[in-house]
Amino acid sequence: MAEEKKAQAAGVWPKVKPFVNGGVSGMLATCVIQPIDMIKVRIQLGQGSAATVTKTMLREEGIGAFYKGLSAGLLRQATYTTARLGSFRILTNKAIEANDGKPLPLYQKALCGLTAGAIGACVGSPADLALIRMQADATLPAAQRRNYSNAFHALYRIVADEGVLALWKGAGPTVVRAMALNMGMLASYDQSVEFFKDSLGLGEAATVIGASTVSGFFASACSLPFDFVKTQIQKMQPDAEGKYPYSGSLDCAMKTLKSGGPFKFYTGFPVYCVRIAPHVMMTWIFLNQIQKAEKKMGL
């Protein structure tokens, strides 16, 4: 009986391992990068440069402000990153099997990344909405603040005040942004690993760091315009007549393009790149270390 249970566990673990590893690595990376993410959101909300935002937050809110929304960030990684990295590995493994074990061409990796990003965004959108609102709350007038105490309180209040479907407010741009980010992040990482390892003959550590850096850059460049629109949609408030400033993501994109030009979408790009690239790098590095530990333990 005991051997039968062990056999069942051994059969389940390979299927869930990519999801568990992805979620854990993403959560560890978020714990490190949360302060930079907070500054990025404040810049996109028009509070000034990175230096100005940092000084203002320290003076008016204290060091704890940099970790506001951490619970939502961890919940987001536990849902979004678990789903996207797990799905990507499952999809690429299936594609490699169909390709007779040969390495996948870049376009197939990109398609797997797009699909994995869409799956992860659909699963993680509620936590992402809670994260954005918690981070933006302090920028609102006192009368308009929602004062969420943690991610689960935010989700409860959103459902109670706005309905269940409100958890997916802004899900359209969230999904599109996730597809763009993961196409850049996942496909470029696998492609870079092959290049650094097979073509340049680099060692494991150099390969992981180099591929992670390339992955972080392409993830940033591909996703920031969609991230900007997503943030504007998720943090918007109705006016005195109950009307929202944007009717949807396309309306937000067109109004932004008209008022600020194409470069408006890249507001806060240096900070965004500094935030996204290290998070991507640390996610891959943590994932690599987790996989090495599992290998030593025979998992």
Protein backbone atom coordinates (compact mmCIF):
# COMPACT_ATOMS: atom_id res chain seq x y z
CA MET A 1 0.00 0.00 0.00
CA ALA A 2 2.83 2.35 0.96
CA GLU A 3 4.68 1.53 -2.27
CA GLU A 4 1.53 2.20 -4.28
CA LYS A 5 1.18 5.65 -2.69
CA LYS A 6 4.83 6.40 -3.43
CA ALA A 7 4.31 5.38 -7.05
CA GLN A 8 1.28 7.65 -7.33
CA ALA A 9 3.23 10.55 -5.79
CA ALA A 10 6.12 9.90 -8.19
CA GLY A 11 3.68 10.07 -11.08
CA VAL A 12 2.09 13.35 -9.91
CA TRP A 13 5.27 15.24 -8.99
CA PRO A 14 6.78 15.50 -12.51
CA LYS A 15 3.50 17.05 -13.70
CA VAL A 16 3.22 19.65 -10.94
CA LYS A 17 6.96 20.34 -10.50
CA PRO A 18 7.21 23.00 -13.25
CA PHE A 19 4.31 24.90 -11.66
CA VAL A 20 5.65 24.64 -8.09
CA ASN A 21 9.17 25.62 -9.12
CA GLY A 22 7.91 28.57 -11.16
CA GLY A 23 5.71 29.92 -8.36
CA VAL A 24 8.39 29.61 -5.67
CA SER A 25 11.09 31.26 -7.81
CA GLY A 26 8.74 34.13 -8.70
CA MET A 27 7.77 34.72 -5.06
CA LEU A 28 11.42 34.79 -3.94
CA ALA A 29 12.26 37.30 -6.68
CA THR A 30 9.29 39.50 -5.69
CA CYS A 31 10.48 39.74 -2.07
CA VAL A 32 13.71 41.30 -3.36
CA ILE A 33 12.28 43.57 -6.07
CA GLN A 34 9.11 44.93 -4.38
CA PRO A 35 10.55 48.40 -3.50
CA ILE A 36 11.56 49.10 -7.12
CA ASP A 37 8.13 47.97 -8.31
CA MET A 38 6.51 50.41 -5.90
CA ILE A 39 8.59 53.31 -7.24
CA LYS A 40 7.74 52.31 -10.83
CA VAL A 41 3.99 52.47 -10.15
CA ARG A 42 4.29 55.91 -8.49
CA ILE A 43 6.25 57.25 -11.49
CA GLN A 44 3.57 55.99 -13.87
CA LEU A 45 0.96 57.75 -11.73
CA GLY A 46 2.76 61.04 -12.35
CA GLN A 47 4.49 61.66 -9.01
CA GLY A 48 7.86 62.62 -10.52
CA SER A 49 11.24 61.03 -11.10
CA ALA A 50 12.62 57.99 -9.32
CA ALA A 51 14.65 60.17 -6.93
CA THR A 52 11.69 62.45 -6.18
CA VAL A 53 9.34 59.54 -5.57
CA THR A 54 11.85 57.80 -3.29
CA LYS A 55 12.46 60.93 -1.18
CA THR A 56 8.74 61.69 -0.92
CA MET A 57 7.86 58.16 0.12
CA LEU A 58 10.59 58.06 2.77
CA ARG A 59 9.66 61.48 4.16
CA GLU A 60 5.87 61.11 4.17
CA GLU A 61 5.23 57.36 4.54
CA GLY A 62 8.38 55.75 5.89
CA ILE A 63 10.33 52.66 4.80
CA GLY A 64 7.26 50.44 5.09
CA ALA A 65 5.68 52.18 2.11
CA PHE A 66 8.12 50.43 -0.22
CA TYR A 67 6.60 47.09 0.78
CA LYS A 68 2.97 48.15 0.59
CA GLY A 69 1.17 45.57 -1.50
CA LEU A 70 3.75 42.83 -0.84
CA SER A 71 1.02 40.35 0.09
CA ALA A 72 -0.72 41.04 -3.22
CA GLY A 73 2.60 40.74 -5.05
CA LEU A 74 3.27 37.34 -3.50
CA LEU A 75 -0.28 36.21 -4.26
CA ARG A 76 0.20 37.36 -7.85
CA GLN A 77 3.37 35.31 -8.20
CA ALA A 78 1.70 32.30 -6.58
CA THR A 79 -0.98 32.45 -9.27
CA TYR A 80 0.45 34.21 -12.34
CA THR A 81 4.05 32.95 -12.33
CA THR A 82 3.04 29.46 -11.21
CA ALA A 83 0.70 29.25 -14.21
CA ARG A 84 2.92 30.90 -16.83
CA LEU A 85 6.23 29.16 -16.10
CA GLY A 86 4.55 25.82 -15.51
CA SER A 87 2.49 26.13 -18.70
CA PHE A 88 5.51 27.23 -20.74
CA ARG A 89 7.58 24.23 -19.68
CA ILE A 90 4.71 21.81 -20.33
CA LEU A 91 4.05 23.37 -23.75
CA THR A 92 7.71 23.36 -24.80
CA ASN A 93 8.19 19.78 -23.64
CA LYS A 94 5.18 18.70 -25.71
CA ALA A 95 6.46 20.67 -28.70
CA ILE A 96 9.94 19.09 -28.39
CA GLU A 97 8.34 15.64 -28.33
CA ALA A 98 6.42 16.50 -31.48
CA ASN A 99 9.68 17.75 -33.01
CA ASP A 100 11.38 14.37 -32.43
CA GLY A 101 13.46 15.72 -29.55
CA LYS A 102 15.11 18.48 -31.59
CA PRO A 103 15.47 22.06 -30.21
CA LEU A 104 12.52 24.28 -31.06
CA PRO A 105 12.88 27.16 -33.53
CA LEU A 106 12.45 30.64 -32.05
CA TYR A 107 8.95 31.19 -33.45
CA GLN A 108 7.65 28.06 -31.71
CA LYS A 109 9.18 29.20 -28.43
CA ALA A 110 7.53 32.58 -28.95
CA LEU A 111 4.15 30.93 -29.53
CA CYS A 112 4.59 28.87 -26.35
CA GLY A 113 5.49 32.07 -24.49
CA LEU A 114 2.44 33.90 -25.81
CA THR A 115 0.15 31.06 -24.78
CA ALA A 116 1.73 30.66 -21.35
CA GLY A 117 1.47 34.42 -20.76
CA ALA A 118 -2.24 34.42 -21.59
CA ILE A 119 -2.91 31.49 -19.27
CA GLY A 120 -0.94 33.04 -16.42
CA ALA A 121 -2.60 36.45 -16.82
CA CYS A 122 -6.11 35.00 -16.72
CA VAL A 123 -5.28 33.16 -13.49
CA GLY A 124 -3.37 36.03 -11.89
CA SER A 125 -5.47 39.03 -12.94
CA PRO A 126 -7.39 39.38 -9.61
CA ALA A 127 -4.17 39.47 -7.59
CA ASP A 128 -2.64 41.91 -10.10
CA LEU A 129 -5.63 44.25 -9.70
CA ALA A 130 -5.30 44.08 -5.90
CA LEU A 131 -1.56 44.85 -6.16
CA ILE A 132 -2.04 47.91 -8.38
CA ARG A 133 -4.80 49.33 -6.17
CA MET A 134 -2.82 48.82 -2.96
CA GLN A 135 0.24 50.49 -4.46
CA ALA A 136 -1.76 53.43 -5.86
CA ASP A 137 -3.95 53.97 -2.79
CA ALA A 138 -1.61 56.40 -1.04
CA THR A 139 -1.60 58.68 -4.11
CA LEU A 140 -5.38 59.27 -3.90
CA PRO A 141 -7.09 62.00 -1.87
CA ALA A 142 -7.92 60.79 1.64
CA ALA A 143 -11.65 60.61 0.89
CA GLN A 144 -11.07 58.31 -2.09
CA ARG A 145 -8.61 55.88 -0.50
CA ARG A 146 -9.75 52.28 -0.21
CA ASN A 147 -7.44 51.46 2.72
CA TYR A 148 -7.03 47.76 1.98
CA SER A 149 -5.21 46.01 4.82
CA ASN A 150 -3.87 43.12 2.70
CA ALA A 151 -4.40 41.32 -0.59
CA PHE A 152 -7.25 39.13 0.64
CA HIS A 153 -9.04 42.14 2.15
CA ALA A 154 -8.66 43.91 -1.21
CA LEU A 155 -10.14 40.96 -3.10
CA TYR A 156 -13.03 40.72 -0.61
CA ARG A 157 -13.79 44.44 -0.87
CA ILE A 158 -13.64 44.42 -4.67
CA VAL A 159 -16.13 41.53 -4.82
CA ALA A 160 -18.39 43.09 -2.17
CA ASP A 161 -18.37 46.62 -3.64
CA GLU A 162 -18.11 45.96 -7.37
CA GLY A 163 -19.04 42.33 -7.99
CA VAL A 164 -17.08 39.21 -8.87
CA LEU A 165 -16.40 40.23 -12.47
CA ALA A 166 -14.65 43.37 -11.21
CA LEU A 167 -11.73 41.12 -10.23
CA TRP A 168 -10.97 40.95 -13.95
CA LYS A 169 -11.24 44.70 -14.55
CA GLY A 170 -8.43 45.56 -16.93
CA ALA A 171 -7.94 41.85 -17.71
CA GLY A 172 -7.82 42.60 -21.44
CA PRO A 173 -4.68 44.78 -21.30
CA THR A 174 -3.29 42.53 -18.54
CA VAL A 175 -3.51 39.49 -20.81
CA VAL A 176 -2.06 41.33 -23.80
CA ARG A 177 0.76 42.73 -21.68
CA ALA A 178 1.50 39.29 -20.24
CA MET A 179 1.57 37.76 -23.70
CA ALA A 180 4.07 40.40 -24.88
CA LEU A 181 6.21 40.10 -21.75
CA ASN A 182 6.33 36.32 -21.77
CA MET A 183 7.01 36.13 -25.48
CA GLY A 184 10.05 38.33 -24.86
CA MET A 185 11.06 36.72 -21.57
CA LEU A 186 10.53 33.01 -22.11
CA ALA A 187 11.46 32.61 -25.77
CA SER A 188 14.58 34.76 -25.49
CA TYR A 189 15.76 32.91 -22.37
CA ASP A 190 15.57 29.44 -23.93
CA GLN A 191 17.12 30.74 -27.16
CA SER A 192 19.93 32.50 -25.25
CA VAL A 193 20.67 29.40 -23.16
CA GLU A 194 21.19 27.41 -26.36
CA PHE A 195 23.40 30.16 -27.82
CA PHE A 196 25.58 30.75 -24.72
CA LYS A 197 25.90 27.06 -23.88
CA ASP A 198 26.17 25.40 -27.29
CA SER A 199 27.64 28.14 -29.51
CA LEU A 200 29.87 29.99 -27.02
CA GLY A 201 30.58 27.07 -24.71
CA LEU A 202 29.97 29.06 -21.51
CA GLY A 203 29.60 27.38 -18.13
CA GLU A 204 26.33 26.99 -16.27
CA ALA A 205 26.60 30.10 -14.10
CA ALA A 206 27.62 32.39 -16.99
CA THR A 207 24.92 30.90 -19.21
CA VAL A 208 22.16 31.47 -16.65
CA ILE A 209 23.26 35.04 -15.90
CA GLY A 210 23.75 35.95 -19.56
CA ALA A 211 20.48 34.40 -20.71
CA SER A 212 18.63 36.00 -17.78
CA THR A 213 19.97 39.43 -18.74
CA VAL A 214 18.86 39.05 -22.36
CA SER A 215 15.50 37.74 -21.17
CA GLY A 216 15.00 40.71 -18.85
CA PHE A 217 15.73 43.26 -21.57
CA PHE A 218 13.32 41.77 -24.10
CA ALA A 219 10.65 41.31 -21.45
CA SER A 220 10.91 45.03 -20.59
CA ALA A 221 11.00 46.31 -24.15
CA CYS A 222 8.04 44.23 -25.28
CA SER A 223 5.75 44.82 -22.31
CA LEU A 224 6.06 48.41 -21.04
CA PRO A 225 3.49 50.03 -23.40
CA PHE A 226 0.92 47.42 -22.38
CA ASP A 227 1.88 47.77 -18.72
CA PHE A 228 1.33 51.53 -18.91
CA VAL A 229 -2.18 51.13 -20.35
CA LYS A 230 -3.01 48.37 -17.86
CA THR A 231 -1.98 50.56 -14.93
CA GLN A 232 -4.06 53.50 -16.15
CA ILE A 233 -7.15 51.30 -16.57
CA GLN A 234 -6.84 49.58 -13.20
CA LYS A 235 -6.29 52.73 -11.12
CA MET A 236 -8.91 54.99 -12.78
CA GLN A 237 -11.67 56.53 -10.65
CA PRO A 238 -15.11 57.76 -11.81
CA ASP A 239 -15.71 61.52 -11.85
CA ALA A 240 -18.58 63.35 -10.11
CA GLU A 241 -21.00 62.15 -12.79
CA GLY A 242 -19.89 58.52 -12.45
CA LYS A 243 -18.01 58.46 -15.75
CA TYR A 244 -14.58 56.86 -16.10
CA PRO A 245 -11.81 58.67 -18.01
CA TYR A 246 -11.36 55.71 -20.39
CA SER A 247 -13.93 53.37 -21.86
CA GLY A 248 -11.37 50.63 -22.33
CA SER A 249 -7.76 49.82 -23.10
CA LEU A 250 -7.96 50.91 -26.74
CA ASP A 251 -9.54 54.23 -25.74
CA CYS A 252 -6.80 54.71 -23.14
CA ALA A 253 -4.10 53.93 -25.71
CA MET A 254 -5.53 56.35 -28.29
CA LYS A 255 -5.99 59.20 -25.78
CA THR A 256 -2.47 58.64 -24.44
CA LEU A 257 -1.03 58.63 -27.97
CA LYS A 258 -2.92 61.83 -28.83
CA SER A 259 -1.94 63.71 -25.67
CA GLY A 260 1.63 62.54 -25.15
CA GLY A 261 2.82 60.81 -28.31
CA PRO A 262 4.30 57.30 -28.60
CA PHE A 263 7.04 57.91 -26.04
CA LYS A 264 4.39 58.50 -23.37
CA PHE A 265 3.94 54.72 -23.27
CA TYR A 266 7.57 54.43 -22.18
CA THR A 267 7.15 56.71 -19.16
CA GLY A 268 9.40 55.36 -16.43
CA PHE A 269 11.24 52.99 -18.79
CA PRO A 270 14.62 53.15 -16.97
CA VAL A 271 13.00 52.25 -13.64
CA TYR A 272 10.71 49.72 -15.32
CA CYS A 273 13.69 48.08 -16.99
CA VAL A 274 15.62 48.11 -13.71
CA ARG A 275 12.62 46.52 -12.04
CA ILE A 276 11.67 43.96 -14.71
CA ALA A 277 15.17 42.83 -15.70
CA PRO A 278 16.39 42.00 -12.16
CA HIS A 279 13.08 40.29 -11.36
CA VAL A 280 13.38 38.18 -14.50
CA MET A 281 17.03 37.45 -13.76
CA MET A 282 16.36 36.48 -10.16
CA THR A 283 13.37 34.35 -11.16
CA TRP A 284 15.56 32.35 -13.56
CA ILE A 285 18.46 32.17 -11.07
CA PHE A 286 16.20 31.03 -8.24
CA LEU A 287 14.56 28.53 -10.59
CA ASN A 288 17.96 27.18 -11.60
CA GLN A 289 19.00 26.79 -7.96
CA ILE A 290 15.72 25.09 -7.05
CA GLN A 291 16.14 22.63 -9.90
CA LYS A 292 19.73 21.87 -8.83
CA ALA A 293 18.59 21.25 -5.24
CA GLU A 294 15.81 18.95 -6.44
CA LYS A 295 18.28 17.05 -8.58
CA LYS A 296 20.55 16.48 -5.57
CA MET A 297 17.55 15.25 -3.57
CA GLY A 298 16.48 12.96 -6.38
CA LEU A 299 13.20 14.75 -7.00
